[in-house]
Protein backbone atom coordinates (compact mmCIF):
# COMPACT_ATOMS: atom_id res chain seq x y z
CA MET A 1 -29.23 13.21 -0.46
CA LYS A 2 -26.82 15.32 -2.42
CA LYS A 3 -26.76 17.26 1.08
CA TYR A 4 -26.53 14.04 3.17
CA PHE A 5 -23.53 13.03 1.23
CA THR A 6 -21.78 16.66 1.17
CA GLN A 7 -22.36 16.65 5.05
CA ASN A 8 -21.02 13.50 5.43
CA LYS A 9 -17.54 13.70 4.59
CA LEU A 10 -16.04 10.77 6.18
CA LEU A 11 -18.95 8.79 4.66
CA THR A 12 -18.18 9.67 1.18
CA ILE A 13 -14.45 9.05 1.51
CA PHE A 14 -15.35 5.85 3.26
CA LEU A 15 -17.73 4.80 0.11
CA MET A 16 -15.14 5.74 -2.39
CA PHE A 17 -12.09 3.58 -0.69
CA LEU A 18 -14.66 0.89 -0.69
CA PHE A 19 -16.03 0.83 -4.03
CA GLY A 20 -12.46 1.54 -5.29
CA SER A 21 -11.74 -1.94 -3.49
CA LEU A 22 -14.42 -3.85 -3.93
CA ALA A 23 -13.96 -4.45 -7.69
CA SER A 24 -10.74 -3.54 -7.96
CA GLY A 25 -9.13 -6.19 -5.57
CA THR A 26 -11.04 -8.88 -7.07
CA LEU A 27 -10.92 -8.20 -11.09
CA THR A 28 -6.70 -8.10 -10.27
CA PHE A 29 -6.29 -11.54 -8.86
CA MET A 30 -9.17 -12.60 -11.81
CA ILE A 31 -6.51 -11.48 -14.18
CA SER A 32 -3.71 -12.81 -12.21
CA TRP A 33 -5.30 -15.97 -12.28
CA THR A 34 -6.91 -16.17 -15.56
CA VAL A 35 -3.57 -15.64 -16.81
CA LEU A 36 -2.06 -18.94 -15.20
CA LYS A 37 -4.93 -20.81 -15.62
CA GLU A 38 -4.89 -20.43 -18.79
CA THR A 39 -0.72 -20.46 -19.93
CA HIS A 40 -0.11 -23.03 -17.42
CA GLN A 41 3.11 -21.41 -16.83
CA ALA A 42 4.79 -19.17 -13.45
CA SER A 43 6.96 -17.43 -15.98
CA GLN A 44 3.65 -15.85 -17.77
CA PHE A 45 1.68 -15.13 -14.42
CA ALA A 46 5.34 -13.65 -13.62
CA LEU A 47 5.70 -11.33 -16.51
CA LEU A 48 2.28 -9.85 -16.37
CA SER A 49 3.10 -8.54 -12.71
CA THR A 50 6.63 -7.48 -13.72
CA ILE A 51 5.70 -5.48 -16.87
CA SER A 52 2.98 -3.88 -14.56
CA SER A 53 5.12 -3.11 -11.73
CA LEU A 54 7.81 -1.83 -14.04
CA VAL A 55 5.21 0.31 -16.06
CA MET A 56 4.02 1.68 -12.80
CA LEU A 57 7.33 2.91 -11.62
CA ILE A 58 8.08 4.47 -14.62
CA ALA A 59 4.57 6.36 -14.50
CA MET A 60 4.81 7.69 -10.81
CA PRO A 61 6.92 10.40 -11.34
CA VAL A 62 5.38 11.96 -14.39
CA ILE A 63 2.08 10.98 -12.40
CA GLY A 64 3.21 13.25 -9.50
CA ILE A 65 3.78 15.71 -11.35
CA ILE A 66 0.62 15.80 -12.72
CA VAL A 67 -1.24 15.75 -9.21
CA ASP A 68 0.97 18.83 -8.06
CA ARG A 69 0.21 21.02 -11.45
CA TYR A 70 -4.01 20.05 -11.32
CA ASP A 71 -7.42 20.27 -9.74
CA HIS A 72 -7.57 16.91 -7.71
CA LYS A 73 -11.18 17.01 -8.33
CA HIS A 74 -10.87 17.10 -11.77
CA LEU A 75 -7.54 14.43 -11.59
CA LEU A 76 -10.17 11.95 -9.23
CA VAL A 77 -12.82 12.22 -12.09
CA ILE A 78 -10.42 11.60 -14.89
CA ALA A 79 -8.62 8.71 -13.22
CA GLN A 80 -12.34 6.94 -13.44
CA VAL A 81 -13.22 7.97 -16.40
CA PHE A 82 -9.89 6.38 -17.65
CA SER A 83 -10.41 3.21 -16.25
CA LEU A 84 -13.90 3.05 -17.50
CA PHE A 85 -12.79 3.79 -21.17
CA VAL A 86 -9.97 0.86 -19.99
CA LEU A 87 -12.74 -1.03 -18.99
CA LEU A 88 -14.67 -0.78 -21.95
CA SER A 89 -12.16 -1.03 -24.32
CA PHE A 90 -11.40 -4.51 -22.90
CA ILE A 91 -14.68 -5.67 -22.77
CA PHE A 92 -15.79 -4.78 -26.41
CA GLN A 93 -12.17 -5.88 -28.35
CA PRO A 94 -12.44 -8.61 -30.07
CA PHE A 95 -8.83 -10.42 -28.69
CA HIS A 96 -7.60 -13.14 -26.33
CA GLY A 97 -4.46 -13.90 -24.87
CA LEU A 98 -1.59 -12.47 -22.96
CA ILE A 99 -0.42 -9.48 -24.38
CA ILE A 100 -3.95 -8.56 -23.80
CA TYR A 101 -4.57 -8.86 -20.06
CA ILE A 102 -1.28 -7.35 -19.74
CA LEU A 103 -2.43 -4.28 -21.40
CA PHE A 104 -5.75 -4.70 -19.54
CA SER A 105 -3.77 -4.43 -16.15
CA ILE A 106 -1.53 -1.79 -17.30
CA GLY A 107 -4.13 0.42 -18.20
CA LEU A 108 -6.27 -0.78 -14.64
CA ASN A 109 -3.44 0.08 -12.42
CA LEU A 110 -2.21 3.52 -13.89
CA GLY A 111 -5.75 4.40 -13.57
CA ASP A 112 -6.11 3.20 -10.06
CA LEU A 113 -2.26 4.87 -9.39
CA LEU A 114 -3.93 8.10 -10.45
CA PHE A 115 -6.64 7.51 -8.11
CA SER A 116 -4.31 7.06 -5.02
CA ILE A 117 -1.25 9.05 -5.37
CA THR A 118 -4.19 12.36 -5.77
CA MET A 119 -6.29 11.09 -2.90
CA TYR A 120 -2.96 10.74 -0.77
CA ALA A 121 -1.80 14.75 -1.76
CA SER A 122 -5.72 15.48 -1.30
CA VAL A 123 -6.15 14.49 2.51
CA LYS A 124 -5.05 17.76 4.09
CA SER A 125 -6.89 19.72 1.81
CA LEU A 126 -10.43 17.34 2.98
CA SER A 127 -9.52 17.62 6.06
CA ASP A 128 -10.74 20.13 8.50
CA ASP A 129 -8.35 19.34 11.46
CA LYS A 130 -5.14 16.51 12.31
CA THR A 131 -7.84 14.22 13.40
CA GLU A 132 -9.66 13.50 10.44
CA MET A 133 -6.60 13.35 8.54
CA SER A 134 -6.07 10.69 10.93
CA LYS A 135 -9.53 9.19 10.53
CA ILE A 136 -9.59 9.28 6.78
CA ASN A 137 -5.88 7.61 6.85
CA GLY A 138 -7.52 5.27 9.15
CA ILE A 139 -10.06 4.14 6.83
CA GLU A 140 -7.39 4.00 3.48
CA GLN A 141 -5.70 1.25 5.67
CA GLY A 142 -8.50 -0.43 6.61
CA ILE A 143 -10.29 -0.97 3.88
CA GLY A 144 -6.59 -1.48 1.88
CA ALA A 145 -6.36 -4.43 4.86
CA LEU A 146 -9.84 -5.76 4.33
CA PHE A 147 -9.49 -6.08 0.78
CA ALA A 148 -6.29 -8.12 1.10
CA ILE A 149 -8.30 -10.49 2.81
CA VAL A 150 -11.36 -10.53 0.78
CA SER A 151 -10.09 -10.19 -2.53
CA PRO A 152 -8.50 -13.75 -3.28
CA ALA A 153 -11.22 -15.61 -1.85
CA VAL A 154 -14.18 -13.55 -3.89
CA ALA A 155 -12.11 -14.05 -7.59
CA GLY A 156 -11.50 -17.58 -6.57
CA PHE A 157 -15.51 -17.78 -5.72
CA THR A 158 -16.51 -15.51 -8.68
CA LEU A 159 -13.81 -17.09 -11.74
CA THR A 160 -16.03 -20.46 -10.94
CA PHE A 161 -19.15 -18.25 -11.93
CA ILE A 162 -17.82 -15.46 -14.45
CA SER A 163 -15.00 -14.69 -16.86
CA VAL A 164 -12.92 -11.46 -16.10
CA ARG A 165 -14.86 -9.71 -18.89
CA ILE A 166 -18.42 -10.57 -17.20
CA PHE A 167 -17.13 -9.20 -14.20
CA SER A 168 -15.38 -6.02 -15.87
CA TRP A 169 -19.34 -4.52 -15.99
CA VAL A 170 -19.02 -5.18 -11.93
CA GLU A 171 -15.88 -3.14 -11.99
CA ILE A 172 -17.59 -0.69 -13.90
CA VAL A 173 -20.53 -0.01 -11.50
CA CYS A 174 -18.27 0.57 -8.79
CA GLU A 175 -16.10 3.17 -11.04
CA SER A 176 -18.99 5.48 -12.60
CA ILE A 177 -20.27 5.17 -8.38
CA ILE A 178 -16.91 6.01 -7.82
CA VAL A 179 -17.31 9.43 -9.68
CA LEU A 180 -20.36 10.74 -8.12
CA LEU A 181 -19.48 10.52 -5.13
CA VAL A 182 -15.88 12.70 -5.63
CA PHE A 183 -18.07 15.53 -7.21
CA ARG A 184 -19.87 15.44 -3.41
CA LEU A 185 -16.16 16.29 -1.88
CA ASN A 186 -15.29 20.06 -1.62
CA PHE A 187 -11.46 20.79 -1.72
CA GLU A 188 -9.86 23.27 -0.83
CA ARG A 189 -7.21 23.81 -3.69
CA PHE A 190 -3.84 25.15 -2.89
CA ASP A 191 -1.82 27.95 -5.18
CA THR A 192 0.02 26.21 -7.95
CA LYS A 193 2.16 28.12 -10.39
CA ASN A 194 0.85 28.46 -14.28
CA GLU A 195 3.57 27.85 -15.69
CA GLU A 196 4.59 25.11 -18.70
CA GLU A 197 7.39 23.02 -18.08
CA SER A 198 9.67 21.09 -20.45
CA VAL A 199 10.69 17.79 -19.09
CA SER A 200 14.27 19.55 -18.08
CA VAL A 201 12.34 21.68 -16.00
CA GLU A 202 10.31 18.87 -14.85
CA LYS A 203 13.69 17.47 -13.72
CA ILE A 204 14.29 20.39 -11.93
CA SER A 205 11.15 20.64 -10.11
CA TYR A 206 12.18 17.03 -8.67
CA LYS A 207 15.38 18.03 -7.31
CA ARG A 208 13.64 21.13 -5.80
CA VAL A 209 11.16 18.73 -3.97
CA LEU A 210 14.17 17.07 -2.88
CA GLN A 211 15.35 20.52 -1.18
CA LEU A 212 12.39 21.40 -0.11
CA LEU A 213 11.86 17.43 2.03
CA ASN A 214 15.62 17.52 3.05
CA LYS A 215 14.87 21.12 4.91
CA LYS A 216 12.30 18.49 6.52
CA TYR A 217 14.85 16.31 8.17
CA ILE A 218 12.67 13.97 10.82
CA VAL A 219 9.83 13.59 7.88
CA MET A 220 13.16 12.21 5.73
CA ILE A 221 13.98 10.37 8.62
CA ILE A 222 10.90 8.60 9.68
CA VAL A 223 9.97 8.19 5.89
CA SER A 224 13.44 6.42 5.31
CA ILE A 225 12.56 4.27 8.28
CA MET A 226 9.42 2.88 6.81
CA ILE A 227 11.01 2.63 3.31
CA VAL A 228 14.01 0.82 4.94
CA LEU A 229 11.39 -1.41 6.94
CA LYS A 230 9.61 -2.51 3.29
CA PHE A 231 12.87 -4.31 2.10
CA LEU A 232 13.20 -6.50 5.43
CA LEU A 233 9.68 -7.10 5.33
CA GLY A 234 10.35 -9.67 2.81
CA SER A 235 11.36 -11.85 5.26
CA ILE A 236 7.83 -12.60 6.32
CA ASN A 237 6.27 -12.51 2.54
CA VAL A 238 8.99 -14.86 1.36
CA GLY A 239 9.50 -16.77 4.51
CA ILE A 240 6.39 -17.69 6.21
CA PRO A 241 4.72 -19.15 3.12
CA PHE A 242 7.98 -20.94 2.29
CA ILE A 243 8.82 -22.65 5.29
CA LEU A 244 4.94 -23.71 5.84
CA ASN A 245 5.13 -25.04 2.80
CA LYS A 246 7.99 -27.22 2.82
CA ASN A 247 7.48 -28.30 6.83
CA TYR A 248 3.72 -29.00 6.18
CA GLN A 249 3.45 -30.62 2.52
CA GLY A 250 1.85 -27.31 1.07
CA ASN A 251 -1.15 -27.13 3.38
CA THR A 252 -2.87 -24.71 2.23
CA VAL A 253 -5.19 -24.40 5.31
CA ILE A 254 -2.00 -23.09 7.53
CA LEU A 255 -0.79 -20.91 5.28
CA GLY A 256 -4.69 -19.29 5.06
CA ILE A 257 -5.14 -19.64 8.70
CA VAL A 258 -1.45 -17.77 9.24
CA GLN A 259 -1.32 -14.89 6.52
CA PHE A 260 -5.11 -13.79 7.65
CA SER A 261 -3.66 -12.16 10.92
CA PHE A 262 -1.37 -10.04 9.34
CA PRO A 263 -4.37 -7.83 7.28
CA LEU A 264 -6.76 -8.30 10.35
CA GLY A 265 -4.22 -7.03 12.84
CA ILE A 266 -3.66 -3.68 10.86
CA ILE A 267 -7.81 -3.52 10.19
CA LEU A 268 -7.98 -3.34 14.40
CA SER A 269 -5.25 -1.21 14.64
CA SER A 270 -6.96 1.02 11.82
CA LEU A 271 -9.77 1.01 14.23
CA LEU A 272 -7.67 1.59 17.50
CA VAL A 273 -5.54 4.09 16.65
CA GLN A 274 -8.38 6.76 16.97
CA LYS A 275 -8.82 5.48 20.45
CA LEU A 276 -5.59 6.08 21.75
CA PRO A 277 -4.56 8.38 24.47
CA LYS A 278 -2.76 10.88 23.00
CA PHE A 279 1.34 9.41 22.77
CA GLN A 280 3.96 11.60 21.72
CA LEU A 281 4.26 11.00 17.85
CA PHE A 282 8.13 9.10 18.04
CA LYS A 283 7.51 7.82 20.49
CA LEU A 284 4.25 5.69 19.16
CA LEU A 285 6.26 5.23 15.97
CA LYS A 286 9.52 3.48 18.43
CA ILE A 287 6.81 1.50 20.10
CA SER A 288 5.60 0.18 17.06
CA TYR A 289 8.52 -0.42 14.78
CA PHE A 290 10.47 -2.09 17.78
CA SER A 291 7.35 -4.29 18.07
CA CYS A 292 7.61 -5.12 14.40
CA ALA A 293 11.43 -5.75 15.13
CA PHE A 294 10.57 -8.00 18.15
CA VAL A 295 8.06 -10.14 16.24
CA ILE A 296 10.63 -10.76 13.64
CA PHE A 297 13.22 -11.94 16.29
CA SER A 298 9.63 -13.79 17.49
CA PHE A 299 9.90 -15.54 14.57
CA GLY A 300 13.46 -16.70 14.14
CA ILE A 301 13.30 -18.47 17.79
CA VAL A 302 9.94 -20.10 17.31
CA LEU A 303 11.45 -21.22 14.15
CA SER A 304 14.62 -22.49 15.64
CA PHE A 305 13.98 -24.05 18.75
CA LEU A 306 10.03 -24.16 19.28
CA ILE A 307 8.43 -25.28 15.82
CA GLY A 308 6.49 -28.83 16.58
CA SER A 309 2.70 -29.88 16.75
CA ILE A 310 0.55 -27.94 13.61
CA VAL A 311 -1.76 -26.69 16.06
CA PHE A 312 1.26 -25.47 18.64
CA THR A 313 2.81 -23.72 15.18
CA VAL A 314 -0.45 -22.62 13.92
CA VAL A 315 -1.29 -20.19 16.74
CA VAL A 316 2.34 -19.07 17.85
CA LEU A 317 2.97 -18.15 14.33
CA SER A 318 -0.74 -16.75 13.89
CA VAL A 319 -0.08 -14.61 17.00
CA LEU A 320 2.92 -13.20 15.73
CA MET A 321 1.53 -12.20 12.00
CA LEU A 322 -1.21 -10.95 14.27
CA PHE A 323 1.30 -8.25 16.18
CA MET A 324 2.96 -7.60 13.11
CA GLY A 325 -0.21 -6.20 11.93
CA LEU A 326 -1.07 -4.41 14.65
CA GLY A 327 2.85 -2.89 14.99
CA LEU A 328 2.93 -1.50 11.02
CA GLY A 329 -0.76 -0.80 11.13
CA PHE A 330 -0.62 1.66 14.55
CA SER A 331 2.69 3.36 13.01
CA ARG A 332 1.63 4.08 9.68
CA VAL A 333 -1.43 6.34 10.36
CA PRO A 334 0.25 9.17 12.24
CA MET A 335 3.30 8.60 10.13
CA MET A 336 1.23 9.38 6.89
CA THR A 337 -0.74 12.49 8.82
CA PHE A 338 2.88 13.49 10.03
CA ALA A 339 4.08 13.48 6.29
CA GLN A 340 0.93 14.83 5.09
CA ASN A 341 1.02 18.19 7.82
CA ASN A 342 4.71 19.07 6.94
CA ILE A 343 5.24 18.16 2.89
CA PRO A 344 3.88 21.38 1.71
CA GLU A 345 0.77 20.85 -0.46
CA ASN A 346 1.64 21.97 -4.22
CA ILE A 347 4.63 19.05 -3.84
CA GLN A 348 3.21 16.41 -2.34
CA GLY A 349 2.30 14.90 -5.99
CA ARG A 350 5.90 14.81 -6.63
CA ALA A 351 6.88 13.42 -2.67
CA PHE A 352 4.22 10.65 -2.46
CA SER A 353 5.60 9.74 -5.81
CA ILE A 354 9.14 9.88 -4.81
CA ILE A 355 8.44 7.90 -1.40
CA ASP A 356 6.37 5.20 -3.36
CA THR A 357 8.76 4.05 -6.25
CA SER A 358 11.51 4.02 -3.58
CA ALA A 359 9.47 1.68 -1.00
CA GLN A 360 8.67 -0.85 -4.05
CA ILE A 361 12.00 -0.81 -5.44
CA LEU A 362 13.36 -1.64 -1.94
CA SER A 363 10.04 -4.01 -1.45
CA SER A 364 11.07 -5.64 -4.98
CA LEU A 365 14.28 -5.88 -4.12
CA GLY A 366 13.72 -7.41 -0.41
CA LEU A 367 11.60 -10.02 -1.78
CA ARG A 368 14.26 -11.29 -4.45
CA PHE A 369 17.09 -10.79 -1.51
CA TYR A 370 15.59 -13.60 0.78
CA GLY A 371 14.10 -15.68 -2.02
CA VAL A 372 17.45 -16.26 -2.18
CA LEU A 373 18.56 -16.67 1.32
CA PHE A 374 15.61 -18.92 2.15
CA ASP A 375 16.61 -21.27 -0.57
CA ASN A 376 20.29 -21.55 1.37
CA PHE A 377 19.93 -21.04 4.62
CA SER A 378 18.09 -21.82 7.90
CA GLY A 379 15.05 -19.83 8.03
CA GLY A 380 15.08 -19.57 11.66
CA TRP A 381 18.84 -17.87 11.54
CA ILE A 382 17.35 -15.92 8.85
CA TYR A 383 14.79 -14.22 11.21
CA LEU A 384 17.36 -13.96 13.46
CA PHE A 385 19.64 -12.29 11.13
CA SER A 386 17.22 -9.77 10.41
CA SER A 387 15.73 -8.67 13.40
CA PHE A 388 19.06 -7.75 15.00
CA LEU A 389 19.04 -6.08 10.89
CA MET A 390 15.93 -4.42 11.90
CA PHE A 391 16.91 -2.93 15.57
CA GLY A 392 20.31 -1.59 14.26
CA VAL A 393 17.98 0.62 11.58
CA LEU A 394 15.59 1.77 14.75
CA ILE A 395 18.52 2.43 16.51
CA VAL A 396 20.51 4.54 14.19
CA GLY A 397 17.44 6.38 12.83
CA PHE A 398 15.84 6.98 15.86
CA TRP A 399 18.84 8.41 16.64
CA PHE A 400 19.16 11.32 14.89
CA VAL A 401 15.60 11.68 15.22
CA ASP A 402 16.07 12.37 18.86
CA ARG A 403 18.85 14.82 18.53
CA ALA A 404 16.89 17.29 15.47
CA ASP A 405 15.24 20.08 16.31
CA LYS A 406 11.33 19.63 16.84
CA GLU A 407 10.43 22.92 16.27
CA ASN A 408 8.77 24.12 13.18
CA TYR A 409 6.61 20.73 12.76
CA ILE A 410 3.21 20.06 12.54
CA TYR A 411 2.11 16.87 15.14
């Protein structure tokens, strides 16, 4: 059995992501809904997410340094053992209340964050070639999108029968399986310096990381475009639920159908991206990103002029959400593979922590920005404005990409 999993690397990685998302995603929703159910206050529900997100943002730079300093296989095991410790502590501690759920959520998220950044930084050392790198990134993206669909439903169903405390045992089983799977993987460890760093030196190291990233000019531009798009996607994440709730009296079935199409598009793109003809990287990114901008423009047209019957609206919005998911999915896998190939391995932990931190900050700002806009302006015009803004960002960004020196990059 050990030999089988060692030889079937992609299957092992698939199972790691599968078991990692299977219980973790469900448990996250169960914690949030339990807080909402027990407190009956949206503010307490929001407090749980806000504090947990804030801790993650603070922890990301530190975890980035850790990932660059230590053996990745050991870090993956430590991440899972830490999660097991958090789960067992929650199960056997006698207290109950909002503070306990906040601490529990923070602990689980820290373990997941260490695991995810370590895996991002390990893709190149785990892979034999670029094709295998793309497959690993596709597996991660596809499973993440799948459980974005499945986890809320499973959490709602499960919570009617068992509590968060009891379901934590399921998470313990999944985390334990991941530990066993990690031992089946072989990592080609890159060289690292064994010097001890003080806090001031760690700050210098991040400055050095930024200097190295600036030398990879095209990587920085492509990643910057992706981060800005995270901000603009707030128009989808806020606007679609708000508009459908307003126009159809809180019909959750309609909302569910429309939102289901988005992760479905990401799943399909994860399966299809490996079968596409060999597009030149930047051509594929242009097609994907400009398609997303056109989808946002189409939202503006539909919501401004064409909104009518429920069936028509659901069909059109679902198709648009599907294309949005396809566009983002087709762009993310090659973009991540390009970044992993061209960012030096011994700084990838810090590099991806910078990218993730920037993306989360802009994503949060986007949610707040569009929340204010949709409270005060017409949804259709907001989408038209956002599409023109997105077209502008893409035109400027790819103008720099087209004129950059493309030698000394791995494609």
